[in-house]
Structures are given as C-alpha cells and as structure tokens.
PDB file of N, CA and C in Angstrom:
ATOM      1  N   UNK A   1       0.842  -1.208  -0.051  1.00  0.00           N
ATOM      2  CA  UNK A   1       0.032   0.065   0.131  1.00  0.00           C
ATOM      3  C   UNK A   1       0.859   1.246   0.139  1.00  0.00           C
ATOM      4  N   UNK A   2       0.416   2.269  -0.542  1.00  0.00           N
ATOM      5  CA  UNK A   2       1.266   3.430  -0.570  1.00  0.00           C
ATOM      6  C   UNK A   2       0.497   4.481   0.300  1.00  0.00           C
ATOM      7  N   UNK A   3       1.235   5.347   1.149  1.00  0.00           N
ATOM      8  CA  UNK A   3       0.678   6.382   2.058  1.00  0.00           C
ATOM      9  C   UNK A   3       1.263   7.645   1.980  1.00  0.00           C
ATOM     10  N   UNK A   4       0.460   8.730   1.552  1.00  0.00           N
ATOM     11  CA  UNK A   4       1.047  10.041   1.660  1.00  0.00           C
ATOM     12  C   UNK A   4       1.500  10.300   2.930  1.00  0.00           C
ATOM     13  N   UNK A   5       2.906  10.912   3.090  1.00  0.00           N
ATOM     14  CA  UNK A   5       3.553  11.119   4.361  1.00  0.00           C
ATOM     15  C   UNK A   5       2.958  12.019   5.199  1.00  0.00           C
ATOM     16  N   UNK A   6       2.000  12.944   4.766  1.00  0.00           N
ATOM     17  CA  UNK A   6       1.471  14.083   5.665  1.00  0.00           C
ATOM     18  C   UNK A   6       2.672  14.890   6.499  1.00  0.00           C
ATOM     19  N   UNK A   7       3.727  15.144   5.885  1.00  0.00           N
ATOM     20  CA  UNK A   7       4.802  15.898   6.542  1.00  0.00           C
ATOM     21  C   UNK A   7       5.385  15.036   7.715  1.00  0.00           C
ATOM     22  N   UNK A   8       5.262  13.652   7.648  1.00  0.00           N
ATOM     23  CA  UNK A   8       5.832  12.799   8.741  1.00  0.00           C
ATOM     24  C   UNK A   8       7.221  12.166   7.962  1.00  0.00           C
ATOM     25  N   UNK A   9       8.186  12.029   8.725  1.00  0.00           N
ATOM     26  CA  UNK A   9       9.321  11.268   8.310  1.00  0.00           C
ATOM     27  C   UNK A   9       9.171   9.988   8.351  1.00  0.00           C
ATOM     28  N   UNK A  10      10.039   9.201   7.761  1.00  0.00           N
ATOM     29  CA  UNK A  10       9.896   7.745   7.699  1.00  0.00           C
ATOM     30  C   UNK A  10       9.922   7.117   9.160  1.00  0.00           C
ATOM     31  N   UNK A  11      10.794   7.700   9.912  1.00  0.00           N
ATOM     32  CA  UNK A  11      10.906   7.313  11.306  1.00  0.00           C
ATOM     33  C   UNK A  11       9.694   7.596  12.080  1.00  0.00           C
ATOM     34  N   UNK A  12       9.204   8.715  11.912  1.00  0.00           N
ATOM     35  CA  UNK A  12       7.755   9.166  12.641  1.00  0.00           C
ATOM     36  C   UNK A  12       6.741   8.281  12.297  1.00  0.00           C
ATOM     37  N   UNK A  13       6.628   7.887  10.949  1.00  0.00           N
ATOM     38  CA  UNK A  13       5.579   6.921  10.540  1.00  0.00           C
ATOM     39  C   UNK A  13       5.751   5.708  11.142  1.00  0.00           C
ATOM     40  N   UNK A  14       6.995   5.130  11.368  1.00  0.00           N
ATOM     41  CA  UNK A  14       7.158   3.902  11.982  1.00  0.00           C
ATOM     42  C   UNK A  14       6.732   3.944  13.428  1.00  0.00           C
ATOM     43  N   UNK A  15       7.193   4.966  14.104  1.00  0.00           N
ATOM     44  CA  UNK A  15       6.860   5.186  15.485  1.00  0.00           C
ATOM     45  C   UNK A  15       5.541   5.148  15.646  1.00  0.00           C
ATOM     46  N   UNK A  16       4.522   5.850  14.808  1.00  0.00           N
ATOM     47  CA  UNK A  16       3.124   6.017  14.888  1.00  0.00           C
ATOM     48  C   UNK A  16       2.511   4.503  14.656  1.00  0.00           C
ATOM     49  N   UNK A  17       3.177   3.621  13.643  1.00  0.00           N
ATOM     50  CA  UNK A  17       2.679   2.652  13.304  1.00  0.00           C
ATOM     51  C   UNK A  17       2.727   1.414  14.498  1.00  0.00           C
ATOM     52  N   UNK A  18       3.938   1.350  15.050  1.00  0.00           N
ATOM     53  CA  UNK A  18       4.162   0.618  16.212  1.00  0.00           C
ATOM     54  C   UNK A  18       3.383   0.997  17.411  1.00  0.00           C
ATOM     55  N   UNK A  19       3.070   2.103  17.609  1.00  0.00           N
ATOM     56  CA  UNK A  19       2.191   2.536  18.767  1.00  0.00           C
ATOM     57  C   UNK A  19       0.755   2.195  18.513  1.00  0.00           C
ATOM     58  N   UNK A  20       0.264   2.277  17.155  1.00  0.00           N
ATOM     59  CA  UNK A  20      -0.983   1.876  16.975  1.00  0.00           C
ATOM     60  C   UNK A  20      -1.098   0.385  17.000  1.00  0.00           C
ATOM     61  N   UNK A  21      -0.274  -0.365  16.587  1.00  0.00           N
ATOM     62  CA  UNK A  21      -0.141  -1.901  16.721  1.00  0.00           C
ATOM     63  C   UNK A  21      -0.317  -2.143  18.232  1.00  0.00           C
ATOM     64  N   UNK A  22       0.585  -1.640  18.964  1.00  0.00           N
ATOM     65  CA  UNK A  22       0.549  -2.037  20.457  1.00  0.00           C
ATOM     66  C   UNK A  22      -0.599  -1.448  21.137  1.00  0.00           C
ATOM     67  N   UNK A  23      -1.282  -0.302  20.967  1.00  0.00           N
ATOM     68  CA  UNK A  23      -2.404   0.033  21.410  1.00  0.00           C
ATOM     69  C   UNK A  23      -3.764  -1.027  21.052  1.00  0.00           C
ATOM     70  N   UNK A  24      -3.697  -1.355  19.791  1.00  0.00           N
ATOM     71  CA  UNK A  24      -4.484  -2.195  19.367  1.00  0.00           C
ATOM     72  C   UNK A  24      -4.664  -3.549  19.795  1.00  0.00           C
ATOM     73  N   UNK A  25      -3.586  -3.989  20.376  1.00  0.00           N
ATOM     74  CA  UNK A  25      -3.480  -5.570  20.955  1.00  0.00           C
ATOM     75  C   UNK A  25      -2.295  -5.518  22.047  1.00  0.00           C
ATOM     76  N   UNK A  26      -2.936  -5.584  23.347  1.00  0.00           N
ATOM     77  CA  UNK A  26      -1.956  -5.589  24.361  1.00  0.00           C
ATOM     78  C   UNK A  26      -0.792  -6.605  24.538  1.00  0.00           C
ATOM     79  N   UNK A  27      -1.031  -7.739  23.675  1.00  0.00           N
ATOM     80  CA  UNK A  27      -0.106  -8.703  23.525  1.00  0.00           C
ATOM     81  C   UNK A  27       0.971  -8.443  22.442  1.00  0.00           C
ATOM     82  N   UNK A  28       0.811  -7.270  21.694  1.00  0.00           N
ATOM     83  CA  UNK A  28       1.781  -7.072  20.627  1.00  0.00           C
ATOM     84  C   UNK A  28       2.987  -6.648  21.051  1.00  0.00           C
ATOM     85  N   UNK A  29       4.152  -7.135  20.575  1.00  0.00           N
ATOM     86  CA  UNK A  29       5.467  -6.794  21.180  1.00  0.00           C
ATOM     87  C   UNK A  29       6.321  -6.607  19.962  1.00  0.00           C
ATOM     88  N   UNK A  30       7.188  -5.339  19.909  1.00  0.00           N
ATOM     89  CA  UNK A  30       8.144  -5.159  18.897  1.00  0.00           C
ATOM     90  C   UNK A  30       9.297  -6.173  19.172  1.00  0.00           C
ATOM     91  N   UNK A  31       9.849  -6.830  18.175  1.00  0.00           N
ATOM     92  CA  UNK A  31      11.066  -7.670  18.325  1.00  0.00           C
ATOM     93  C   UNK A  31      12.267  -6.926  17.817  1.00  0.00           C
ATOM     94  N   UNK A  32      12.248  -6.413  16.692  1.00  0.00           N
ATOM     95  CA  UNK A  32      13.340  -5.770  16.004  1.00  0.00           C
ATOM     96  C   UNK A  32      12.815  -4.497  15.298  1.00  0.00           C
ATOM     97  N   UNK A  33      13.705  -3.551  15.153  1.00  0.00           N
ATOM     98  CA  UNK A  33      13.423  -2.442  14.192  1.00  0.00           C
ATOM     99  C   UNK A  33      14.935  -2.276  13.411  1.00  0.00           C
ATOM    100  N   UNK A  34      14.780  -2.287  12.103  1.00  0.00           N
ATOM    101  CA  UNK A  34      16.094  -2.355  11.345  1.00  0.00           C
ATOM    102  C   UNK A  34      15.863  -1.339  10.221  1.00  0.00           C
ATOM    103  N   UNK A  35      17.217  -0.282  10.273  1.00  0.00           N
ATOM    104  CA  UNK A  35      17.005   0.603   9.126  1.00  0.00           C
ATOM    105  C   UNK A  35      17.683  -0.149   7.912  1.00  0.00           C
ATOM    106  N   UNK A  36      17.160   0.060   6.871  1.00  0.00           N
ATOM    107  CA  UNK A  36      17.615  -0.787   5.663  1.00  0.00           C
ATOM    108  C   UNK A  36      17.331   0.145   4.368  1.00  0.00           C
ATOM    109  N   UNK A  37      17.517  -0.723   3.258  1.00  0.00           N
ATOM    110  CA  UNK A  37      17.255  -0.079   1.937  1.00  0.00           C
ATOM    111  C   UNK A  37      16.335  -0.964   1.106  1.00  0.00           C
ATOM    112  N   UNK A  38      15.378  -0.693   0.377  1.00  0.00           N
ATOM    113  CA  UNK A  38      14.629  -1.561  -0.377  1.00  0.00           C
ATOM    114  C   UNK A  38      14.681  -0.810  -1.763  1.00  0.00           C
ATOM    115  N   UNK A  39      15.084  -1.620  -2.832  1.00  0.00           N
ATOM    116  CA  UNK A  39      15.377  -1.136  -4.169  1.00  0.00           C
ATOM    117  C   UNK A  39      15.978   0.171  -4.219  1.00  0.00           C
ATOM    118  N   UNK A  40      17.047   0.265  -3.324  1.00  0.00           N
ATOM    119  CA  UNK A  40      17.879   1.510  -3.493  1.00  0.00           C
ATOM    120  C   UNK A  40      17.267   2.714  -2.734  1.00  0.00           C
ATOM    121  N   UNK A  41      16.073   2.562  -1.830  1.00  0.00           N
ATOM    122  CA  UNK A  41      15.497   3.657  -1.176  1.00  0.00           C
ATOM    123  C   UNK A  41      15.729   3.250   0.100  1.00  0.00           C
ATOM    124  N   UNK A  42      15.493   4.561   1.176  1.00  0.00           N
ATOM    125  CA  UNK A  42      15.639   4.305   2.527  1.00  0.00           C
ATOM    126  C   UNK A  42      14.323   3.546   3.090  1.00  0.00           C
ATOM    127  N   UNK A  43      14.529   2.746   3.933  1.00  0.00           N
ATOM    128  CA  UNK A  43      13.479   1.847   4.353  1.00  0.00           C
ATOM    129  C   UNK A  43      13.653   1.440   5.940  1.00  0.00           C
ATOM    130  N   UNK A  44      12.569   1.097   6.688  1.00  0.00           N
ATOM    131  CA  UNK A  44      12.664   0.611   7.877  1.00  0.00           C
ATOM    132  C   UNK A  44      11.870  -0.628   8.010  1.00  0.00           C
ATOM    133  N   UNK A  45      12.478  -1.593   8.556  1.00  0.00           N
ATOM    134  CA  UNK A  45      11.579  -2.878   8.847  1.00  0.00           C
ATOM    135  C   UNK A  45      11.331  -3.135  10.218  1.00  0.00           C
ATOM    136  N   UNK A  46      10.151  -3.474  10.615  1.00  0.00           N
ATOM    137  CA  UNK A  46       9.909  -3.944  12.125  1.00  0.00           C
ATOM    138  C   UNK A  46       9.543  -5.384  12.120  1.00  0.00           C
ATOM    139  N   UNK A  47       9.847  -6.082  13.020  1.00  0.00           N
ATOM    140  CA  UNK A  47       9.389  -7.441  13.267  1.00  0.00           C
ATOM    141  C   UNK A  47       8.702  -7.455  14.670  1.00  0.00           C
ATOM    142  N   UNK A  48       7.618  -8.262  14.724  1.00  0.00           N
ATOM    143  CA  UNK A  48       6.823  -8.358  15.812  1.00  0.00           C
ATOM    144  C   UNK A  48       6.196  -9.632  16.192  1.00  0.00           C
ATOM    145  N   UNK A  49       5.591  -9.714  17.433  1.00  0.00           N
ATOM    146  CA  UNK A  49       4.883 -11.006  17.760  1.00  0.00           C
ATOM    147  C   UNK A  49       3.504 -10.332  18.409  1.00  0.00           C
ATOM    148  N   UNK A  50       2.506 -11.172  18.137  1.00  0.00           N
ATOM    149  CA  UNK A  50       1.295 -10.784  18.705  1.00  0.00           C
ATOM    150  C   UNK A  50       0.424 -11.974  18.777  1.00  0.00           C
ATOM    151  N   UNK A  51      -0.738 -11.880  19.734  1.00  0.00           N
ATOM    152  CA  UNK A  51      -1.642 -12.848  19.804  1.00  0.00           C
ATOM    153  C   UNK A  51      -1.150 -14.339  20.161  1.00  0.00           C
ATOM    154  N   UNK A  52      -1.775 -15.322  19.906  1.00  0.00           N
ATOM    155  CA  UNK A  52      -1.402 -16.582  20.367  1.00  0.00           C
ATOM    156  C   UNK A  52      -0.927 -17.371  19.006  1.00  0.00           C
ATOM    157  N   UNK A  53      -0.950 -18.776  19.155  1.00  0.00           N
ATOM    158  CA  UNK A  53      -0.465 -19.660  18.152  1.00  0.00           C
ATOM    159  C   UNK A  53       0.791 -19.207  17.356  1.00  0.00           C
ATOM    160  N   UNK A  54       1.733 -18.848  17.912  1.00  0.00           N
ATOM    161  CA  UNK A  54       2.867 -18.386  17.289  1.00  0.00           C
ATOM    162  C   UNK A  54       2.870 -17.335  16.385  1.00  0.00           C
ATOM    163  N   UNK A  55       1.961 -16.421  16.403  1.00  0.00           N
ATOM    164  CA  UNK A  55       1.715 -15.420  15.481  1.00  0.00           C
ATOM    165  C   UNK A  55       2.796 -14.413  15.502  1.00  0.00           C
ATOM    166  N   UNK A  56       3.262 -14.045  14.330  1.00  0.00           N
ATOM    167  CA  UNK A  56       4.371 -13.020  14.154  1.00  0.00           C
ATOM    168  C   UNK A  56       4.148 -12.167  12.804  1.00  0.00           C
ATOM    169  N   UNK A  57       4.836 -11.094  12.731  1.00  0.00           N
ATOM    170  CA  UNK A  57       4.697 -10.219  11.635  1.00  0.00           C
ATOM    171  C   UNK A  57       5.830  -9.534  11.213  1.00  0.00           C
ATOM    172  N   UNK A  58       5.963  -8.964  10.028  1.00  0.00           N
ATOM    173  CA  UNK A  58       6.972  -8.145   9.778  1.00  0.00           C
ATOM    174  C   UNK A  58       6.320  -7.069   8.723  1.00  0.00           C
ATOM    175  N   UNK A  59       6.730  -5.771   8.896  1.00  0.00           N
ATOM    176  CA  UNK A  59       6.317  -4.756   8.130  1.00  0.00           C
ATOM    177  C   UNK A  59       7.483  -3.706   7.768  1.00  0.00           C
ATOM    178  N   UNK A  60       7.525  -3.350   6.441  1.00  0.00           N
ATOM    179  CA  UNK A  60       8.659  -2.539   5.937  1.00  0.00           C
ATOM    180  C   UNK A  60       7.867  -1.360   5.064  1.00  0.00           C
ATOM    181  N   UNK A  61       8.443  -0.142   5.724  1.00  0.00           N
ATOM    182  CA  UNK A  61       8.136   1.080   4.992  1.00  0.00           C
ATOM    183  C   UNK A  61       9.306   1.696   4.077  1.00  0.00           C
ATOM    184  N   UNK A  62       8.959   1.895   2.903  1.00  0.00           N
ATOM    185  CA  UNK A  62       9.935   2.431   1.985  1.00  0.00           C
ATOM    186  C   UNK A  62       9.717   3.785   1.641  1.00  0.00           C
ATOM    187  N   UNK A  63      10.703   4.639   1.862  1.00  0.00           N
ATOM    188  CA  UNK A  63      10.388   6.019   1.419  1.00  0.00           C
ATOM    189  C   UNK A  63      10.632   6.291   0.028  1.00  0.00           C
ATOM    190  N   UNK A  64       9.768   6.974  -0.679  1.00  0.00           N
ATOM    191  CA  UNK A  64       9.881   7.431  -1.964  1.00  0.00           C
ATOM    192  C   UNK A  64       9.043   8.762  -2.225  1.00  0.00           C
ATOM    193  N   UNK A  65       9.771   9.806  -2.219  1.00  0.00           N
ATOM    194  CA  UNK A  65       9.172  11.190  -2.423  1.00  0.00           C
ATOM    195  C   UNK A  65       8.365  11.513  -1.428  1.00  0.00           C
ATOM    196  N   UNK A  66       7.161  11.770  -1.785  1.00  0.00           N
ATOM    197  CA  UNK A  66       6.024  12.294  -0.861  1.00  0.00           C
ATOM    198  C   UNK A  66       5.245  11.006  -0.224  1.00  0.00           C
ATOM    199  N   UNK A  67       5.492   9.900  -0.800  1.00  0.00           N
ATOM    200  CA  UNK A  67       4.940   8.658  -0.290  1.00  0.00           C
ATOM    201  C   UNK A  67       5.794   7.633   0.294  1.00  0.00           C
ATOM    202  N   UNK A  68       5.155   6.811   1.256  1.00  0.00           N
ATOM    203  CA  UNK A  68       5.762   5.743   1.715  1.00  0.00           C
ATOM    204  C   UNK A  68       5.201   4.512   1.329  1.00  0.00           C
ATOM    205  N   UNK A  69       5.752   3.417   0.844  1.00  0.00           N
ATOM    206  CA  UNK A  69       5.311   2.221   0.233  1.00  0.00           C
ATOM    207  C   UNK A  69       5.306   1.311   1.569  1.00  0.00           C
ATOM    208  N   UNK A  70       4.365   0.616   1.926  1.00  0.00           N
ATOM    209  CA  UNK A  70       4.339  -0.188   3.157  1.00  0.00           C
ATOM    210  C   UNK A  70       3.876  -1.552   2.716  1.00  0.00           C
ATOM    211  N   UNK A  71       4.750  -2.473   3.188  1.00  0.00           N
ATOM    212  CA  UNK A  71       4.401  -4.028   2.944  1.00  0.00           C
ATOM    213  C   UNK A  71       4.332  -4.724   4.398  1.00  0.00           C
ATOM    214  N   UNK A  72       3.485  -5.570   4.285  1.00  0.00           N
ATOM    215  CA  UNK A  72       3.247  -6.101   5.722  1.00  0.00           C
ATOM    216  C   UNK A  72       2.835  -7.539   5.473  1.00  0.00           C
ATOM    217  N   UNK A  73       3.405  -8.450   6.318  1.00  0.00           N
ATOM    218  CA  UNK A  73       3.239  -9.798   6.496  1.00  0.00           C
ATOM    219  C   UNK A  73       2.772 -10.242   7.886  1.00  0.00           C
ATOM    220  N   UNK A  74       1.526 -11.027   8.051  1.00  0.00           N
ATOM    221  CA  UNK A  74       1.483 -11.555   9.380  1.00  0.00           C
ATOM    222  C   UNK A  74       1.204 -13.203   9.069  1.00  0.00           C
ATOM    223  N   UNK A  75       1.755 -14.009   9.995  1.00  0.00           N
ATOM    224  CA  UNK A  75       1.864 -15.390   9.789  1.00  0.00           C
ATOM    225  C   UNK A  75       2.023 -16.072  11.119  1.00  0.00           C
ATOM    226  N   UNK A  76       1.999 -17.363  11.125  1.00  0.00           N
ATOM    227  CA  UNK A  76       2.297 -18.304  12.224  1.00  0.00           C
ATOM    228  C   UNK A  76       2.239 -19.744  11.807  1.00  0.00           C
ATOM    229  N   UNK A  77       2.510 -20.588  12.707  1.00  0.00           N
ATOM    230  CA  UNK A  77       2.547 -21.894  12.305  1.00  0.00           C
ATOM    231  C   UNK A  77       1.274 -22.364  11.736  1.00  0.00           C
ATOM    232  N   UNK A  78       0.174 -21.879  11.960  1.00  0.00           N
ATOM    233  CA  UNK A  78      -1.194 -22.204  11.262  1.00  0.00           C
ATOM    234  C   UNK A  78      -1.254 -21.797   9.839  1.00  0.00           C
ATOM    235  N   UNK A  79      -0.377 -21.058   9.304  1.00  0.00           N
ATOM    236  CA  UNK A  79      -0.408 -20.660   8.020  1.00  0.00           C
ATOM    237  C   UNK A  79       0.451 -21.470   6.980  1.00  0.00           C
ATOM    238  N   UNK A  80       1.256 -22.311   7.554  1.00  0.00           N
ATOM    239  CA  UNK A  80       2.174 -23.131   6.728  1.00  0.00           C
ATOM    240  C   UNK A  80       1.404 -24.251   6.166  1.00  0.00           C
ATOM    241  N   UNK A  81       1.483 -24.527   4.825  1.00  0.00           N
ATOM    242  CA  UNK A  81       0.957 -25.721   4.213  1.00  0.00           C
ATOM    243  C   UNK A  81       1.743 -27.031   4.823  1.00  0.00           C
ATOM    244  N   UNK A  82       1.069 -28.014   4.939  1.00  0.00           N
ATOM    245  CA  UNK A  82       1.754 -29.323   5.299  1.00  0.00           C
ATOM    246  C   UNK A  82       2.868 -29.618   4.514  1.00  0.00           C
ATOM    247  N   UNK A  83       4.171 -29.773   5.212  1.00  0.00           N
ATOM    248  CA  UNK A  83       5.337 -30.072   4.522  1.00  0.00           C
ATOM    249  C   UNK A  83       6.165 -28.933   4.023  1.00  0.00           C
ATOM    250  N   UNK A  84       5.694 -27.775   4.075  1.00  0.00           N
ATOM    251  CA  UNK A  84       6.350 -26.435   3.379  1.00  0.00           C
ATOM    252  C   UNK A  84       6.304 -25.284   4.450  1.00  0.00           C
ATOM    253  N   UNK A  85       7.096 -25.592   5.604  1.00  0.00           N
ATOM    254  CA  UNK A  85       7.189 -24.564   6.698  1.00  0.00           C
ATOM    255  C   UNK A  85       7.972 -23.395   6.078  1.00  0.00           C
ATOM    256  N   UNK A  86       7.287 -22.088   6.515  1.00  0.00           N
ATOM    257  CA  UNK A  86       8.169 -20.988   6.028  1.00  0.00           C
ATOM    258  C   UNK A  86       7.903 -20.531   4.574  1.00  0.00           C
ATOM    259  N   UNK A  87       6.835 -21.024   4.094  1.00  0.00           N
ATOM    260  CA  UNK A  87       6.621 -20.598   2.609  1.00  0.00           C
ATOM    261  C   UNK A  87       6.235 -19.080   2.538  1.00  0.00           C
ATOM    262  N   UNK A  88       5.295 -18.589   3.408  1.00  0.00           N
ATOM    263  CA  UNK A  88       4.881 -17.228   3.289  1.00  0.00           C
ATOM    264  C   UNK A  88       5.996 -16.336   3.734  1.00  0.00           C
ATOM    265  N   UNK A  89       6.768 -16.447   4.761  1.00  0.00           N
ATOM    266  CA  UNK A  89       7.897 -15.433   5.161  1.00  0.00           C
ATOM    267  C   UNK A  89       9.012 -15.701   4.123  1.00  0.00           C
ATOM    268  N   UNK A  90       9.273 -16.686   3.483  1.00  0.00           N
ATOM    269  CA  UNK A  90      10.296 -16.887   2.329  1.00  0.00           C
ATOM    270  C   UNK A  90       9.801 -15.963   1.202  1.00  0.00           C
ATOM    271  N   UNK A  91       8.384 -16.018   0.698  1.00  0.00           N
ATOM    272  CA  UNK A  91       8.050 -15.279  -0.366  1.00  0.00           C
ATOM    273  C   UNK A  91       7.976 -13.741   0.112  1.00  0.00           C
ATOM    274  N   UNK A  92       7.764 -13.397   1.233  1.00  0.00           N
ATOM    275  CA  UNK A  92       7.791 -12.066   1.642  1.00  0.00           C
ATOM    276  C   UNK A  92       9.215 -11.364   1.577  1.00  0.00           C
ATOM    277  N   UNK A  93      10.138 -12.099   2.055  1.00  0.00           N
ATOM    278  CA  UNK A  93      11.659 -11.850   2.030  1.00  0.00           C
ATOM    279  C   UNK A  93      11.958 -11.630   0.542  1.00  0.00           C
ATOM    280  N   UNK A  94      11.755 -12.509  -0.183  1.00  0.00           N
ATOM    281  CA  UNK A  94      12.195 -12.562  -1.670  1.00  0.00           C
ATOM    282  C   UNK A  94      11.426 -11.173  -2.462  1.00  0.00           C
ATOM    283  N   UNK A  95      10.398 -10.965  -2.038  1.00  0.00           N
ATOM    284  CA  UNK A  95       9.689  -9.658  -2.712  1.00  0.00           C
ATOM    285  C   UNK A  95      10.409  -8.505  -2.172  1.00  0.00           C
ATOM    286  N   UNK A  96      10.702  -8.446  -0.841  1.00  0.00           N
ATOM    287  CA  UNK A  96      11.384  -7.151  -0.428  1.00  0.00           C
ATOM    288  C   UNK A  96      12.779  -7.081  -0.942  1.00  0.00           C
ATOM    289  N   UNK A  97      13.511  -8.279  -1.129  1.00  0.00           N
ATOM    290  CA  UNK A  97      14.906  -8.334  -1.621  1.00  0.00           C
ATOM    291  C   UNK A  97      14.920  -7.788  -3.027  1.00  0.00           C
ATOM    292  N   UNK A  98      13.861  -8.131  -3.935  1.00  0.00           N
ATOM    293  CA  UNK A  98      13.881  -7.952  -5.226  1.00  0.00           C
ATOM    294  C   UNK A  98      13.057  -6.677  -5.732  1.00  0.00           C
ATOM    295  N   UNK A  99      12.506  -5.983  -4.896  1.00  0.00           N
ATOM    296  CA  UNK A  99      11.547  -4.848  -5.193  1.00  0.00           C
ATOM    297  C   UNK A  99      12.379  -3.582  -5.751  1.00  0.00           C
ATOM    298  N   UNK A 100      11.860  -3.213  -6.805  1.00  0.00           N
ATOM    299  CA  UNK A 100      12.406  -2.015  -7.474  1.00  0.00           C
ATOM    300  C   UNK A 100      11.347  -0.875  -7.866  1.00  0.00           C
ATOM    301  N   UNK A 101      11.536   0.209  -7.833  1.00  0.00           N
ATOM    302  CA  UNK A 101      10.733   1.182  -8.539  1.00  0.00           C
ATOM    303  C   UNK A 101      11.470   1.480  -9.966  1.00  0.00           C
ATOM    304  N   UNK A 102      10.430   1.224 -10.882  1.00  0.00           N
ATOM    305  CA  UNK A 102      11.065   1.046 -12.315  1.00  0.00           C
ATOM    306  C   UNK A 102      10.968   2.353 -13.280  1.00  0.00           C
ATOM    307  N   UNK A 103       9.826   3.227 -12.959  1.00  0.00           N
ATOM    308  CA  UNK A 103       9.695   4.416 -13.631  1.00  0.00           C
ATOM    309  C   UNK A 103       9.497   5.510 -12.732  1.00  0.00           C
ATOM    310  N   UNK A 104      10.221   6.605 -13.124  1.00  0.00           N
ATOM    311  CA  UNK A 104      10.154   7.777 -12.387  1.00  0.00           C
ATOM    312  C   UNK A 104       9.427   8.892 -13.123  1.00  0.00           C
ATOM    313  N   UNK A 105       8.339   9.436 -12.301  1.00  0.00           N
ATOM    314  CA  UNK A 105       7.688  10.488 -12.853  1.00  0.00           C
ATOM    315  C   UNK A 105       8.314  11.915 -12.956  1.00  0.00           C
ATOM    316  N   UNK A 106       7.896  12.888 -13.509  1.00  0.00           N
ATOM    317  CA  UNK A 106       8.474  14.188 -13.507  1.00  0.00           C
ATOM    318  C   UNK A 106       8.772  14.765 -12.135  1.00  0.00           C
ATOM    319  N   UNK A 107       7.921  14.292 -11.234  1.00  0.00           N
ATOM    320  CA  UNK A 107       8.074  14.935  -9.833  1.00  0.00           C
ATOM    321  C   UNK A 107       9.020  13.965  -8.910  1.00  0.00           C
ATOM    322  N   UNK A 108       9.888  13.009  -9.614  1.00  0.00           N
ATOM    323  CA  UNK A 108      10.714  12.153  -8.854  1.00  0.00           C
ATOM    324  C   UNK A 108      10.037  10.971  -8.148  1.00  0.00           C
ATOM    325  N   UNK A 109       8.791  10.798  -8.393  1.00  0.00           N
ATOM    326  CA  UNK A 109       8.310   9.665  -7.698  1.00  0.00           C
ATOM    327  C   UNK A 109       8.007   8.609  -8.662  1.00  0.00           C
ATOM    328  N   UNK A 110       8.078   7.288  -8.131  1.00  0.00           N
ATOM    329  CA  UNK A 110       7.838   6.077  -8.949  1.00  0.00           C
ATOM    330  C   UNK A 110       6.348   5.922  -9.500  1.00  0.00           C
ATOM    331  N   UNK A 111       6.135   5.780 -10.671  1.00  0.00           N
ATOM    332  CA  UNK A 111       4.903   5.416 -11.321  1.00  0.00           C
ATOM    333  C   UNK A 111       4.527   3.947 -11.254  1.00  0.00           C
ATOM    334  N   UNK A 112       5.670   3.172 -11.320  1.00  0.00           N
ATOM    335  CA  UNK A 112       5.554   1.726 -11.305  1.00  0.00           C
ATOM    336  C   UNK A 112       6.594   1.054 -10.435  1.00  0.00           C
ATOM    337  N   UNK A 113       6.182  -0.065 -10.056  1.00  0.00           N
ATOM    338  CA  UNK A 113       7.206  -0.949  -9.209  1.00  0.00           C
ATOM    339  C   UNK A 113       6.994  -2.326  -9.553  1.00  0.00           C
ATOM    340  N   UNK A 114       7.942  -3.116  -9.446  1.00  0.00           N
ATOM    341  CA  UNK A 114       7.833  -4.557  -9.521  1.00  0.00           C
ATOM    342  C   UNK A 114       8.814  -5.231  -8.713  1.00  0.00           C
ATOM    343  N   UNK A 115       8.643  -6.649  -8.620  1.00  0.00           N
ATOM    344  CA  UNK A 115       9.539  -7.583  -7.923  1.00  0.00           C
ATOM    345  C   UNK A 115       9.575  -8.750  -8.811  1.00  0.00           C
ATOM    346  N   UNK A 116      10.721  -9.641  -8.678  1.00  0.00           N
ATOM    347  CA  UNK A 116      10.966 -10.707  -9.419  1.00  0.00           C
ATOM    348  C   UNK A 116      10.449 -11.968  -8.731  1.00  0.00           C
TER     349      UNK A 116
END
C-alpha cells in the first residue's frame, strides 16, 4: 500500500505504526527495528509478535518522495501448508529483496514498481 507522508518522516511513520499496533493489541511486542534499503530507497523494517498460536509479523516502509510504500506480512505456524514450513515468510523476504521502482515521474516519484 502507498501512504501520503503528511509531513511525517519515515521514522515518525514507523513510530506511529508501532504505537497503533501496540495500542490495538496488548499482547503485541516489537521484536526488532532495522534501518535498511529496499530497491535503493531508505526503508525501515519492524518485526513483531502478537496474539497466540505463534503469530508473528513483519512490516517494511519504503521512502519514495511524498509517499511511503508499506509492505506487511502476518503469519504463524497455522499458515504453513503441510510439509512446506516458512513458505509465506520466504515469499515476503524474496519480494522485499527484489523490489524496485522502475519508472520515475517528472516529480521524482515512481509510477510503477515490480519484484521478481
């Protein structure tokens, strides 16, 4: 999803996001926060735990001009197909590792994006 930054920095957006998650679920716990790059753009990834049944999630916000592009995955042991543990997290990681903005508009913002 893309989000208009509304004058917030990437760091402020992530702080607000983690506060909303924690407020909405008392069992929500931030595990890690990592400054990174996705497709050559500044990004922050958070990993968290919540609920029962081994639920976990990861969210990555990527800075691109006036917009942040946010990717999120929530999973747990109940999500894995029999005999294929870790399928969803592996697909998410591959998407983040191969994501690129491919066309720049006149305002310097991507018009298209893709991953392999």
